[in-house]
Amino acid sequence: VSAINLCSELKEAYPEYNFVPVYWMATEDHDFEEINYFNFNG
């Protein structure tokens, strides 16, 4: 959302340019133990 909103702010300041928010997926990471869970209600 920070990326999306910054694009909007920059477009307002510099309407002659286009600003595109990008999410770069870390698909090549190999640290499975860092990503294999999420916390819900503790």
PDB file of all heavy atoms in Angstrom:
ATOM      1  N   VAL A   1       0.838  -1.202   0.000  1.00  0.00           N
ATOM      2  CA  VAL A   1       0.000   0.000   0.000  1.00  0.00           C
ATOM      3  C   VAL A   1       0.878   1.259   0.000  1.00  0.00           C
ATOM      4  O   VAL A   1       0.539   2.265  -0.631  1.00  0.00           O
ATOM      5  CB  VAL A   1      -0.986  -0.003   1.187  1.00  0.00           C
ATOM      6  CG1 VAL A   1      -1.721   1.326   1.293  1.00  0.00           C
ATOM      7  CG2 VAL A   1      -1.994  -1.148   1.029  1.00  0.00           C
ATOM      8  N   SER A   2       2.024   1.208   0.660  1.00  0.00           N
ATOM      9  CA  SER A   2       2.963   2.337   0.618  1.00  0.00           C
ATOM     10  C   SER A   2       3.363   2.624  -0.825  1.00  0.00           C
ATOM     11  O   SER A   2       3.428   3.786  -1.249  1.00  0.00           O
ATOM     12  CB  SER A   2       4.212   2.040   1.458  1.00  0.00           C
ATOM     13  OG  SER A   2       3.904   1.923   2.828  1.00  0.00           O
ATOM     14  N   ALA A   3       3.631   1.566  -1.585  1.00  0.00           N
ATOM     15  CA  ALA A   3       4.019   1.732  -2.992  1.00  0.00           C
ATOM     16  C   ALA A   3       2.862   2.293  -3.821  1.00  0.00           C
ATOM     17  O   ALA A   3       3.047   3.206  -4.642  1.00  0.00           O
ATOM     18  CB  ALA A   3       4.491   0.399  -3.568  1.00  0.00           C
ATOM     19  N   ILE A   4       1.672   1.755  -3.605  1.00  0.00           N
ATOM     20  CA  ILE A   4       0.489   2.225  -4.340  1.00  0.00           C
ATOM     21  C   ILE A   4       0.228   3.706  -4.060  1.00  0.00           C
ATOM     22  O   ILE A   4       0.018   4.507  -4.984  1.00  0.00           O
ATOM     23  CB  ILE A   4      -0.751   1.378  -3.953  1.00  0.00           C
ATOM     24  CG1 ILE A   4      -0.608  -0.051  -4.492  1.00  0.00           C
ATOM     25  CG2 ILE A   4      -2.036   2.019  -4.465  1.00  0.00           C
ATOM     26  CD1 ILE A   4      -1.615  -1.034  -3.932  1.00  0.00           C
ATOM     27  N   ASN A   5       0.272   4.077  -2.795  1.00  0.00           N
ATOM     28  CA  ASN A   5      -0.044   5.460  -2.424  1.00  0.00           C
ATOM     29  C   ASN A   5       1.040   6.442  -2.859  1.00  0.00           C
ATOM     30  O   ASN A   5       0.739   7.595  -3.200  1.00  0.00           O
ATOM     31  CB  ASN A   5      -0.290   5.558  -0.922  1.00  0.00           C
ATOM     32  CG  ASN A   5      -1.645   4.998  -0.532  1.00  0.00           C
ATOM     33  OD1 ASN A   5      -2.385   4.489  -1.373  1.00  0.00           O
ATOM     34  ND2 ASN A   5      -1.993   5.083   0.740  1.00  0.00           N
ATOM     35  N   LEU A   6       2.299   5.996  -2.851  1.00  0.00           N
ATOM     36  CA  LEU A   6       3.367   6.875  -3.322  1.00  0.00           C
ATOM     37  C   LEU A   6       3.197   7.158  -4.821  1.00  0.00           C
ATOM     38  O   LEU A   6       3.407   8.291  -5.269  1.00  0.00           O
ATOM     39  CB  LEU A   6       4.738   6.270  -3.044  1.00  0.00           C
ATOM     40  CG  LEU A   6       5.934   7.125  -3.499  1.00  0.00           C
ATOM     41  CD1 LEU A   6       5.888   8.520  -2.890  1.00  0.00           C
ATOM     42  CD2 LEU A   6       7.251   6.433  -3.141  1.00  0.00           C
ATOM     43  N   CYS A   7       2.791   6.149  -5.570  1.00  0.00           N
ATOM     44  CA  CYS A   7       2.528   6.360  -7.006  1.00  0.00           C
ATOM     45  C   CYS A   7       1.448   7.418  -7.214  1.00  0.00           C
ATOM     46  O   CYS A   7       1.571   8.287  -8.083  1.00  0.00           O
ATOM     47  CB  CYS A   7       2.116   5.042  -7.667  1.00  0.00           C
ATOM     48  SG  CYS A   7       3.489   3.888  -7.907  1.00  0.00           S
ATOM     49  N   SER A   8       0.410   7.353  -6.406  1.00  0.00           N
ATOM     50  CA  SER A   8      -0.672   8.340  -6.519  1.00  0.00           C
ATOM     51  C   SER A   8      -0.170   9.742  -6.194  1.00  0.00           C
ATOM     52  O   SER A   8      -0.506  10.715  -6.887  1.00  0.00           O
ATOM     53  CB  SER A   8      -1.824   7.976  -5.573  1.00  0.00           C
ATOM     54  OG  SER A   8      -2.363   6.706  -5.905  1.00  0.00           O
ATOM     55  N   GLU A   9       0.647   9.840  -5.157  1.00  0.00           N
ATOM     56  CA  GLU A   9       1.179  11.139  -4.747  1.00  0.00           C
ATOM     57  C   GLU A   9       2.102  11.719  -5.822  1.00  0.00           C
ATOM     58  O   GLU A   9       2.064  12.924  -6.111  1.00  0.00           O
ATOM     59  CB  GLU A   9       1.935  10.979  -3.421  1.00  0.00           C
ATOM     60  CG  GLU A   9       2.278  12.281  -2.740  1.00  0.00           C
ATOM     61  CD  GLU A   9       2.789  12.119  -1.319  1.00  0.00           C
ATOM     62  OE1 GLU A   9       2.616  11.022  -0.739  1.00  0.00           O
ATOM     63  OE2 GLU A   9       3.363  13.084  -0.794  1.00  0.00           O
ATOM     64  N   LEU A  10       2.922  10.868  -6.430  1.00  0.00           N
ATOM     65  CA  LEU A  10       3.840  11.336  -7.465  1.00  0.00           C
ATOM     66  C   LEU A  10       3.100  11.725  -8.743  1.00  0.00           C
ATOM     67  O   LEU A  10       3.486  12.679  -9.428  1.00  0.00           O
ATOM     68  CB  LEU A  10       4.884  10.255  -7.762  1.00  0.00           C
ATOM     69  CG  LEU A  10       5.892   9.985  -6.637  1.00  0.00           C
ATOM     70  CD1 LEU A  10       6.797   8.816  -7.003  1.00  0.00           C
ATOM     71  CD2 LEU A  10       6.724  11.224  -6.326  1.00  0.00           C
ATOM     72  N   LYS A  11       2.036  10.990  -9.070  1.00  0.00           N
ATOM     73  CA  LYS A  11       1.244  11.322 -10.257  1.00  0.00           C
ATOM     74  C   LYS A  11       0.614  12.706 -10.106  1.00  0.00           C
ATOM     75  O   LYS A  11       0.527  13.478 -11.076  1.00  0.00           O
ATOM     76  CB  LYS A  11       0.164  10.262 -10.483  1.00  0.00           C
ATOM     77  CG  LYS A  11      -0.679  10.469 -11.737  1.00  0.00           C
ATOM     78  CD  LYS A  11       0.157  10.360 -13.018  1.00  0.00           C
ATOM     79  CE  LYS A  11      -0.701  10.476 -14.256  1.00  0.00           C
ATOM     80  NZ  LYS A  11       0.107  10.480 -15.500  1.00  0.00           N
ATOM     81  N   GLU A  12       0.215  13.018  -8.897  1.00  0.00           N
ATOM     82  CA  GLU A  12      -0.370  14.333  -8.638  1.00  0.00           C
ATOM     83  C   GLU A  12       0.680  15.428  -8.794  1.00  0.00           C
ATOM     84  O   GLU A  12       0.409  16.518  -9.317  1.00  0.00           O
ATOM     85  CB  GLU A  12      -0.957  14.359  -7.219  1.00  0.00           C
ATOM     86  CG  GLU A  12      -1.801  15.580  -6.932  1.00  0.00           C
ATOM     87  CD  GLU A  12      -2.518  15.486  -5.587  1.00  0.00           C
ATOM     88  OE1 GLU A  12      -2.958  14.381  -5.216  1.00  0.00           O
ATOM     89  OE2 GLU A  12      -2.620  16.525  -4.923  1.00  0.00           O
ATOM     90  N   ALA A  13       1.910  15.130  -8.362  1.00  0.00           N
ATOM     91  CA  ALA A  13       2.986  16.121  -8.435  1.00  0.00           C
ATOM     92  C   ALA A  13       3.550  16.245  -9.849  1.00  0.00           C
ATOM     93  O   ALA A  13       3.948  17.339 -10.266  1.00  0.00           O
ATOM     94  CB  ALA A  13       4.099  15.754  -7.460  1.00  0.00           C
ATOM     95  N   TYR A  14       3.600  15.115 -10.570  1.00  0.00           N
ATOM     96  CA  TYR A  14       4.214  15.091 -11.906  1.00  0.00           C
ATOM     97  C   TYR A  14       3.274  14.387 -12.897  1.00  0.00           C
ATOM     98  O   TYR A  14       3.514  13.253 -13.313  1.00  0.00           O
ATOM     99  CB  TYR A  14       5.565  14.375 -11.858  1.00  0.00           C
ATOM    100  CG  TYR A  14       6.520  14.948 -10.836  1.00  0.00           C
ATOM    101  CD1 TYR A  14       6.855  14.232  -9.687  1.00  0.00           C
ATOM    102  CD2 TYR A  14       7.067  16.220 -11.010  1.00  0.00           C
ATOM    103  CE1 TYR A  14       7.726  14.763  -8.744  1.00  0.00           C
ATOM    104  CE2 TYR A  14       7.930  16.766 -10.074  1.00  0.00           C
ATOM    105  CZ  TYR A  14       8.260  16.031  -8.941  1.00  0.00           C
ATOM    106  OH  TYR A  14       9.107  16.574  -8.011  1.00  0.00           O
ATOM    107  N   PRO A  15       2.189  15.047 -13.284  1.00  0.00           N
ATOM    108  CA  PRO A  15       1.166  14.400 -14.126  1.00  0.00           C
ATOM    109  C   PRO A  15       1.664  13.993 -15.515  1.00  0.00           C
ATOM    110  O   PRO A  15       1.026  13.174 -16.176  1.00  0.00           O
ATOM    111  CB  PRO A  15       0.069  15.466 -14.219  1.00  0.00           C
ATOM    112  CG  PRO A  15       0.735  16.761 -13.880  1.00  0.00           C
ATOM    113  CD  PRO A  15       1.820  16.432 -12.931  1.00  0.00           C
ATOM    114  N   GLU A  16       2.797  14.533 -15.944  1.00  0.00           N
ATOM    115  CA  GLU A  16       3.317  14.182 -17.266  1.00  0.00           C
ATOM    116  C   GLU A  16       3.986  12.800 -17.285  1.00  0.00           C
ATOM    117  O   GLU A  16       4.327  12.281 -18.361  1.00  0.00           O
ATOM    118  CB  GLU A  16       4.319  15.250 -17.747  1.00  0.00           C
ATOM    119  CG  GLU A  16       5.596  15.355 -16.951  1.00  0.00           C
ATOM    120  CD  GLU A  16       5.526  16.275 -15.729  1.00  0.00           C
ATOM    121  OE1 GLU A  16       4.418  16.445 -15.179  1.00  0.00           O
ATOM    122  OE2 GLU A  16       6.578  16.809 -15.342  1.00  0.00           O
ATOM    123  N   TYR A  17       4.172  12.200 -16.108  1.00  0.00           N
ATOM    124  CA  TYR A  17       4.781  10.870 -16.002  1.00  0.00           C
ATOM    125  C   TYR A  17       3.766   9.866 -15.464  1.00  0.00           C
ATOM    126  O   TYR A  17       2.764  10.240 -14.835  1.00  0.00           O
ATOM    127  CB  TYR A  17       6.006  10.906 -15.082  1.00  0.00           C
ATOM    128  CG  TYR A  17       7.115  11.797 -15.577  1.00  0.00           C
ATOM    129  CD1 TYR A  17       7.353  13.036 -14.979  1.00  0.00           C
ATOM    130  CD2 TYR A  17       7.932  11.412 -16.637  1.00  0.00           C
ATOM    131  CE1 TYR A  17       8.376  13.870 -15.418  1.00  0.00           C
ATOM    132  CE2 TYR A  17       8.958  12.241 -17.098  1.00  0.00           C
ATOM    133  CZ  TYR A  17       9.170  13.463 -16.487  1.00  0.00           C
ATOM    134  OH  TYR A  17      10.169  14.282 -16.931  1.00  0.00           O
ATOM    135  N   ASN A  18       4.057   8.593 -15.679  1.00  0.00           N
ATOM    136  CA  ASN A  18       3.239   7.510 -15.115  1.00  0.00           C
ATOM    137  C   ASN A  18       4.055   6.789 -14.048  1.00  0.00           C
ATOM    138  O   ASN A  18       5.263   6.580 -14.215  1.00  0.00           O
ATOM    139  CB  ASN A  18       2.840   6.508 -16.207  1.00  0.00           C
ATOM    140  CG  ASN A  18       2.113   7.177 -17.358  1.00  0.00           C
ATOM    141  OD1 ASN A  18       1.171   7.927 -17.147  1.00  0.00           O
ATOM    142  ND2 ASN A  18       2.564   6.907 -18.583  1.00  0.00           N
ATOM    143  N   PHE A  19       3.381   6.381 -12.982  1.00  0.00           N
ATOM    144  CA  PHE A  19       4.046   5.702 -11.872  1.00  0.00           C
ATOM    145  C   PHE A  19       3.302   4.403 -11.567  1.00  0.00           C
ATOM    146  O   PHE A  19       2.092   4.420 -11.329  1.00  0.00           O
ATOM    147  CB  PHE A  19       4.094   6.610 -10.647  1.00  0.00           C
ATOM    148  CG  PHE A  19       4.791   7.919 -10.927  1.00  0.00           C
ATOM    149  CD1 PHE A  19       4.054   9.048 -11.287  1.00  0.00           C
ATOM    150  CD2 PHE A  19       6.170   8.016 -10.871  1.00  0.00           C
ATOM    151  CE1 PHE A  19       4.678  10.255 -11.570  1.00  0.00           C
ATOM    152  CE2 PHE A  19       6.808   9.216 -11.153  1.00  0.00           C
ATOM    153  CZ  PHE A  19       6.067  10.336 -11.508  1.00  0.00           C
ATOM    154  N   VAL A  20       4.041   3.314 -11.576  1.00  0.00           N
ATOM    155  CA  VAL A  20       3.446   1.984 -11.454  1.00  0.00           C
ATOM    156  C   VAL A  20       3.928   1.305 -10.174  1.00  0.00           C
ATOM    157  O   VAL A  20       5.140   1.124  -9.981  1.00  0.00           O
ATOM    158  CB  VAL A  20       3.825   1.113 -12.673  1.00  0.00           C
ATOM    159  CG1 VAL A  20       3.316  -0.317 -12.504  1.00  0.00           C
ATOM    160  CG2 VAL A  20       3.291   1.731 -13.958  1.00  0.00           C
ATOM    161  N   PRO A  21       3.006   0.901  -9.278  1.00  0.00           N
ATOM    162  CA  PRO A  21       3.417   0.171  -8.073  1.00  0.00           C
ATOM    163  C   PRO A  21       3.765  -1.280  -8.410  1.00  0.00           C
ATOM    164  O   PRO A  21       3.018  -1.950  -9.125  1.00  0.00           O
ATOM    165  CB  PRO A  21       2.185   0.247  -7.169  1.00  0.00           C
ATOM    166  CG  PRO A  21       1.033   0.380  -8.122  1.00  0.00           C
ATOM    167  CD  PRO A  21       1.551   1.131  -9.319  1.00  0.00           C
ATOM    168  N   VAL A  22       4.887  -1.750  -7.895  1.00  0.00           N
ATOM    169  CA  VAL A  22       5.367  -3.103  -8.190  1.00  0.00           C
ATOM    170  C   VAL A  22       5.593  -3.880  -6.899  1.00  0.00           C
ATOM    171  O   VAL A  22       6.213  -3.374  -5.956  1.00  0.00           O
ATOM    172  CB  VAL A  22       6.675  -3.056  -9.013  1.00  0.00           C
ATOM    173  CG1 VAL A  22       7.367  -4.420  -9.029  1.00  0.00           C
ATOM    174  CG2 VAL A  22       6.394  -2.598 -10.431  1.00  0.00           C
ATOM    175  N   TYR A  23       5.080  -5.099  -6.882  1.00  0.00           N
ATOM    176  CA  TYR A  23       5.422  -6.067  -5.826  1.00  0.00           C
ATOM    177  C   TYR A  23       6.349  -7.109  -6.444  1.00  0.00           C
ATOM    178  O   TYR A  23       5.955  -7.846  -7.338  1.00  0.00           O
ATOM    179  CB  TYR A  23       4.167  -6.730  -5.254  1.00  0.00           C
ATOM    180  CG  TYR A  23       4.434  -8.014  -4.489  1.00  0.00           C
ATOM    181  CD1 TYR A  23       5.431  -8.081  -3.513  1.00  0.00           C
ATOM    182  CD2 TYR A  23       3.700  -9.170  -4.745  1.00  0.00           C
ATOM    183  CE1 TYR A  23       5.687  -9.257  -2.823  1.00  0.00           C
ATOM    184  CE2 TYR A  23       3.941 -10.347  -4.055  1.00  0.00           C
ATOM    185  CZ  TYR A  23       4.943 -10.385  -3.098  1.00  0.00           C
ATOM    186  OH  TYR A  23       5.195 -11.565  -2.431  1.00  0.00           O
ATOM    187  N   TRP A  24       7.579  -7.136  -5.958  1.00  0.00           N
ATOM    188  CA  TRP A  24       8.584  -8.093  -6.422  1.00  0.00           C
ATOM    189  C   TRP A  24       8.492  -9.336  -5.536  1.00  0.00           C
ATOM    190  O   TRP A  24       8.815  -9.290  -4.360  1.00  0.00           O
ATOM    191  CB  TRP A  24       9.980  -7.466  -6.338  1.00  0.00           C
ATOM    192  CG  TRP A  24      11.093  -8.348  -6.812  1.00  0.00           C
ATOM    193  CD1 TRP A  24      11.617  -9.436  -6.159  1.00  0.00           C
ATOM    194  CD2 TRP A  24      11.830  -8.223  -8.036  1.00  0.00           C
ATOM    195  NE1 TRP A  24      12.624  -9.989  -6.894  1.00  0.00           N
ATOM    196  CE2 TRP A  24      12.781  -9.272  -8.048  1.00  0.00           C
ATOM    197  CE3 TRP A  24      11.780  -7.336  -9.106  1.00  0.00           C
ATOM    198  CZ2 TRP A  24      13.687  -9.444  -9.100  1.00  0.00           C
ATOM    199  CZ3 TRP A  24      12.682  -7.507 -10.138  1.00  0.00           C
ATOM    200  CH2 TRP A  24      13.615  -8.548 -10.141  1.00  0.00           C
ATOM    201  N   MET A  25       8.062 -10.444  -6.130  1.00  0.00           N
ATOM    202  CA  MET A  25       7.935 -11.685  -5.368  1.00  0.00           C
ATOM    203  C   MET A  25       9.311 -12.339  -5.191  1.00  0.00           C
ATOM    204  O   MET A  25      10.031 -12.558  -6.178  1.00  0.00           O
ATOM    205  CB  MET A  25       7.010 -12.673  -6.085  1.00  0.00           C
ATOM    206  CG  MET A  25       5.578 -12.234  -6.171  1.00  0.00           C
ATOM    207  SD  MET A  25       4.492 -13.618  -6.637  1.00  0.00           S
ATOM    208  CE  MET A  25       5.065 -13.965  -8.292  1.00  0.00           C
ATOM    209  N   ALA A  26       9.641 -12.679  -3.972  1.00  0.00           N
ATOM    210  CA  ALA A  26      10.930 -13.334  -3.694  1.00  0.00           C
ATOM    211  C   ALA A  26      10.797 -14.839  -3.947  1.00  0.00           C
ATOM    212  O   ALA A  26      10.914 -15.659  -3.035  1.00  0.00           O
ATOM    213  CB  ALA A  26      11.367 -13.050  -2.268  1.00  0.00           C
ATOM    214  N   THR A  27      10.562 -15.184  -5.211  1.00  0.00           N
ATOM    215  CA  THR A  27      10.272 -16.579  -5.570  1.00  0.00           C
ATOM    216  C   THR A  27      11.484 -17.491  -5.436  1.00  0.00           C
ATOM    217  O   THR A  27      11.339 -18.705  -5.311  1.00  0.00           O
ATOM    218  CB  THR A  27       9.745 -16.658  -7.013  1.00  0.00           C
ATOM    219  OG1 THR A  27      10.700 -16.054  -7.887  1.00  0.00           O
ATOM    220  CG2 THR A  27       8.417 -15.943  -7.145  1.00  0.00           C
ATOM    221  N   GLU A  28      12.688 -16.912  -5.471  1.00  0.00           N
ATOM    222  CA  GLU A  28      13.897 -17.735  -5.457  1.00  0.00           C
ATOM    223  C   GLU A  28      14.493 -17.923  -4.072  1.00  0.00           C
ATOM    224  O   GLU A  28      15.521 -18.584  -3.930  1.00  0.00           O
ATOM    225  CB  GLU A  28      14.930 -17.137  -6.414  1.00  0.00           C
ATOM    226  CG  GLU A  28      14.475 -17.204  -7.857  1.00  0.00           C
ATOM    227  CD  GLU A  28      15.496 -16.681  -8.850  1.00  0.00           C
ATOM    228  OE1 GLU A  28      16.479 -16.028  -8.429  1.00  0.00           O
ATOM    229  OE2 GLU A  28      15.312 -16.932 -10.043  1.00  0.00           O
ATOM    230  N   ASP A  29      13.863 -17.349  -3.051  1.00  0.00           N
ATOM    231  CA  ASP A  29      14.325 -17.601  -1.678  1.00  0.00           C
ATOM    232  C   ASP A  29      14.207 -19.087  -1.358  1.00  0.00           C
ATOM    233  O   ASP A  29      13.366 -19.795  -1.919  1.00  0.00           O
ATOM    234  CB  ASP A  29      13.482 -16.803  -0.672  1.00  0.00           C
ATOM    235  CG  ASP A  29      13.994 -15.387  -0.499  1.00  0.00           C
ATOM    236  OD1 ASP A  29      14.873 -14.986  -1.280  1.00  0.00           O
ATOM    237  OD2 ASP A  29      13.505 -14.687   0.394  1.00  0.00           O
ATOM    238  N   HIS A  30      15.030 -19.550  -0.427  1.00  0.00           N
ATOM    239  CA  HIS A  30      14.939 -20.961  -0.043  1.00  0.00           C
ATOM    240  C   HIS A  30      14.698 -21.145   1.458  1.00  0.00           C
ATOM    241  O   HIS A  30      14.784 -22.249   1.965  1.00  0.00           O
ATOM    242  CB  HIS A  30      16.213 -21.723  -0.467  1.00  0.00           C
ATOM    243  CG  HIS A  30      17.492 -21.125   0.060  1.00  0.00           C
ATOM    244  ND1 HIS A  30      18.303 -20.312  -0.697  1.00  0.00           N
ATOM    245  CD2 HIS A  30      18.086 -21.227   1.258  1.00  0.00           C
ATOM    246  CE1 HIS A  30      19.350 -19.945   0.012  1.00  0.00           C
ATOM    247  NE2 HIS A  30      19.240 -20.487   1.203  1.00  0.00           N
ATOM    248  N   ASP A  31      14.384 -20.059   2.152  1.00  0.00           N
ATOM    249  CA  ASP A  31      14.171 -20.139   3.604  1.00  0.00           C
ATOM    250  C   ASP A  31      12.710 -20.480   3.908  1.00  0.00           C
ATOM    251  O   ASP A  31      11.913 -19.618   4.309  1.00  0.00           O
ATOM    252  CB  ASP A  31      14.560 -18.820   4.272  1.00  0.00           C
ATOM    253  CG  ASP A  31      16.035 -18.512   4.108  1.00  0.00           C
ATOM    254  OD1 ASP A  31      16.833 -19.456   4.240  1.00  0.00           O
ATOM    255  OD2 ASP A  31      16.378 -17.346   3.843  1.00  0.00           O
ATOM    256  N   PHE A  32      12.358 -21.731   3.724  1.00  0.00           N
ATOM    257  CA  PHE A  32      10.972 -22.166   3.881  1.00  0.00           C
ATOM    258  C   PHE A  32      10.449 -21.932   5.296  1.00  0.00           C
ATOM    259  O   PHE A  32       9.283 -21.565   5.489  1.00  0.00           O
ATOM    260  CB  PHE A  32      10.857 -23.651   3.508  1.00  0.00           C
ATOM    261  CG  PHE A  32       9.470 -24.216   3.605  1.00  0.00           C
ATOM    262  CD1 PHE A  32       8.461 -23.784   2.756  1.00  0.00           C
ATOM    263  CD2 PHE A  32       9.161 -25.181   4.556  1.00  0.00           C
ATOM    264  CE1 PHE A  32       7.176 -24.300   2.850  1.00  0.00           C
ATOM    265  CE2 PHE A  32       7.889 -25.708   4.662  1.00  0.00           C
ATOM    266  CZ  PHE A  32       6.886 -25.266   3.802  1.00  0.00           C
ATOM    267  N   GLU A  33      11.304 -22.136   6.291  1.00  0.00           N
ATOM    268  CA  GLU A  33      10.861 -22.008   7.686  1.00  0.00           C
ATOM    269  C   GLU A  33      10.444 -20.580   8.034  1.00  0.00           C
ATOM    270  O   GLU A  33       9.740 -20.366   9.011  1.00  0.00           O
ATOM    271  CB  GLU A  33      11.973 -22.468   8.635  1.00  0.00           C
ATOM    272  CG  GLU A  33      12.339 -23.944   8.509  1.00  0.00           C
ATOM    273  CD  GLU A  33      11.152 -24.866   8.796  1.00  0.00           C
ATOM    274  OE1 GLU A  33      10.407 -24.585   9.754  1.00  0.00           O
ATOM    275  OE2 GLU A  33      10.981 -25.854   8.062  1.00  0.00           O
ATOM    276  N   GLU A  34      10.870 -19.616   7.240  1.00  0.00           N
ATOM    277  CA  GLU A  34      10.479 -18.223   7.500  1.00  0.00           C
ATOM    278  C   GLU A  34       9.093 -17.892   6.950  1.00  0.00           C
ATOM    279  O   GLU A  34       8.495 -16.889   7.336  1.00  0.00           O
ATOM    280  CB  GLU A  34      11.511 -17.265   6.885  1.00  0.00           C
ATOM    281  CG  GLU A  34      12.871 -17.309   7.556  1.00  0.00           C
ATOM    282  CD  GLU A  34      13.830 -16.283   6.950  1.00  0.00           C
ATOM    283  OE1 GLU A  34      13.382 -15.482   6.098  1.00  0.00           O
ATOM    284  OE2 GLU A  34      15.011 -16.293   7.331  1.00  0.00           O
ATOM    285  N   ILE A  35       8.596 -18.722   6.039  1.00  0.00           N
ATOM    286  CA  ILE A  35       7.363 -18.344   5.325  1.00  0.00           C
ATOM    287  C   ILE A  35       6.226 -19.345   5.478  1.00  0.00           C
ATOM    288  O   ILE A  35       5.139 -19.122   4.950  1.00  0.00           O
ATOM    289  CB  ILE A  35       7.653 -18.157   3.821  1.00  0.00           C
ATOM    290  CG1 ILE A  35       8.040 -19.502   3.179  1.00  0.00           C
ATOM    291  CG2 ILE A  35       8.734 -17.113   3.591  1.00  0.00           C
ATOM    292  CD1 ILE A  35       7.975 -19.507   1.673  1.00  0.00           C
ATOM    293  N   ASN A  36       6.432 -20.450   6.180  1.00  0.00           N
ATOM    294  CA  ASN A  36       5.463 -21.555   6.143  1.00  0.00           C
ATOM    295  C   ASN A  36       4.377 -21.475   7.212  1.00  0.00           C
ATOM    296  O   ASN A  36       3.774 -22.487   7.569  1.00  0.00           O
ATOM    297  CB  ASN A  36       6.194 -22.896   6.256  1.00  0.00           C
ATOM    298  CG  ASN A  36       6.796 -23.114   7.643  1.00  0.00           C
ATOM    299  OD1 ASN A  36       7.083 -22.161   8.355  1.00  0.00           O
ATOM    300  ND2 ASN A  36       7.004 -24.372   8.005  1.00  0.00           N
ATOM    301  N   TYR A  37       4.100 -20.289   7.723  1.00  0.00           N
ATOM    302  CA  TYR A  37       3.073 -20.156   8.765  1.00  0.00           C
ATOM    303  C   TYR A  37       2.531 -18.730   8.779  1.00  0.00           C
ATOM    304  O   TYR A  37       3.102 -17.813   8.206  1.00  0.00           O
ATOM    305  CB  TYR A  37       3.658 -20.487  10.140  1.00  0.00           C
ATOM    306  CG  TYR A  37       4.655 -19.467  10.627  1.00  0.00           C
ATOM    307  CD1 TYR A  37       4.254 -18.409  11.444  1.00  0.00           C
ATOM    308  CD2 TYR A  37       5.998 -19.520  10.244  1.00  0.00           C
ATOM    309  CE1 TYR A  37       5.154 -17.449  11.873  1.00  0.00           C
ATOM    310  CE2 TYR A  37       6.904 -18.579  10.660  1.00  0.00           C
ATOM    311  CZ  TYR A  37       6.479 -17.546  11.474  1.00  0.00           C
ATOM    312  OH  TYR A  37       7.368 -16.577  11.886  1.00  0.00           O
ATOM    313  N   PHE A  38       1.400 -18.563   9.453  1.00  0.00           N
ATOM    314  CA  PHE A  38       0.908 -17.228   9.797  1.00  0.00           C
ATOM    315  C   PHE A  38       0.204 -17.333  11.141  1.00  0.00           C
ATOM    316  O   PHE A  38      -0.210 -18.419  11.568  1.00  0.00           O
ATOM    317  CB  PHE A  38      -0.011 -16.657   8.707  1.00  0.00           C
ATOM    318  CG  PHE A  38      -1.289 -17.415   8.477  1.00  0.00           C
ATOM    319  CD1 PHE A  38      -2.467 -17.052   9.109  1.00  0.00           C
ATOM    320  CD2 PHE A  38      -1.316 -18.494   7.596  1.00  0.00           C
ATOM    321  CE1 PHE A  38      -3.647 -17.753   8.882  1.00  0.00           C
ATOM    322  CE2 PHE A  38      -2.490 -19.193   7.356  1.00  0.00           C
ATOM    323  CZ  PHE A  38      -3.655 -18.824   7.997  1.00  0.00           C
ATOM    324  N   ASN A  39       0.099 -16.196  11.835  1.00  0.00           N
ATOM    325  CA  ASN A  39      -0.497 -16.164  13.170  1.00  0.00           C
ATOM    326  C   ASN A  39      -1.920 -15.618  13.100  1.00  0.00           C
ATOM    327  O   ASN A  39      -2.164 -14.554  12.528  1.00  0.00           O
ATOM    328  CB  ASN A  39       0.340 -15.283  14.109  1.00  0.00           C
ATOM    329  CG  ASN A  39       1.725 -15.844  14.332  1.00  0.00           C
ATOM    330  OD1 ASN A  39       1.886 -17.030  14.596  1.00  0.00           O
ATOM    331  ND2 ASN A  39       2.741 -15.005  14.207  1.00  0.00           N
ATOM    332  N   PHE A  40      -2.832 -16.377  13.691  1.00  0.00           N
ATOM    333  CA  PHE A  40      -4.231 -15.969  13.718  1.00  0.00           C
ATOM    334  C   PHE A  40      -4.761 -16.132  15.128  1.00  0.00           C
ATOM    335  O   PHE A  40      -4.767 -17.232  15.679  1.00  0.00           O
ATOM    336  CB  PHE A  40      -5.056 -16.819  12.740  1.00  0.00           C
ATOM    337  CG  PHE A  40      -6.524 -16.486  12.734  1.00  0.00           C
ATOM    338  CD1 PHE A  40      -6.991 -15.392  12.022  1.00  0.00           C
ATOM    339  CD2 PHE A  40      -7.438 -17.262  13.441  1.00  0.00           C
ATOM    340  CE1 PHE A  40      -8.347 -15.074  12.015  1.00  0.00           C
ATOM    341  CE2 PHE A  40      -8.785 -16.953  13.443  1.00  0.00           C
ATOM    342  CZ  PHE A  40      -9.242 -15.849  12.729  1.00  0.00           C
ATOM    343  N   ASN A  41      -5.184 -15.010  15.751  1.00  0.00           N
ATOM    344  CA  ASN A  41      -5.702 -15.026  17.124  1.00  0.00           C
ATOM    345  C   ASN A  41      -4.763 -15.749  18.084  1.00  0.00           C
ATOM    346  O   ASN A  41      -5.190 -16.553  18.921  1.00  0.00           O
ATOM    347  CB  ASN A  41      -7.091 -15.672  17.160  1.00  0.00           C
ATOM    348  CG  ASN A  41      -8.175 -14.714  16.698  1.00  0.00           C
ATOM    349  OD1 ASN A  41      -8.000 -13.500  16.717  1.00  0.00           O
ATOM    350  ND2 ASN A  41      -9.298 -15.257  16.260  1.00  0.00           N
ATOM    351  N   GLY A  42      -3.480 -15.467  17.942  1.00  0.00           N
ATOM    352  CA  GLY A  42      -2.491 -16.025  18.862  1.00  0.00           C
ATOM    353  C   GLY A  42      -2.081 -17.454  18.561  1.00  0.00           C
ATOM    354  O   GLY A  42      -1.264 -18.027  19.283  1.00  0.00           O
TER     355      GLY A  42
END
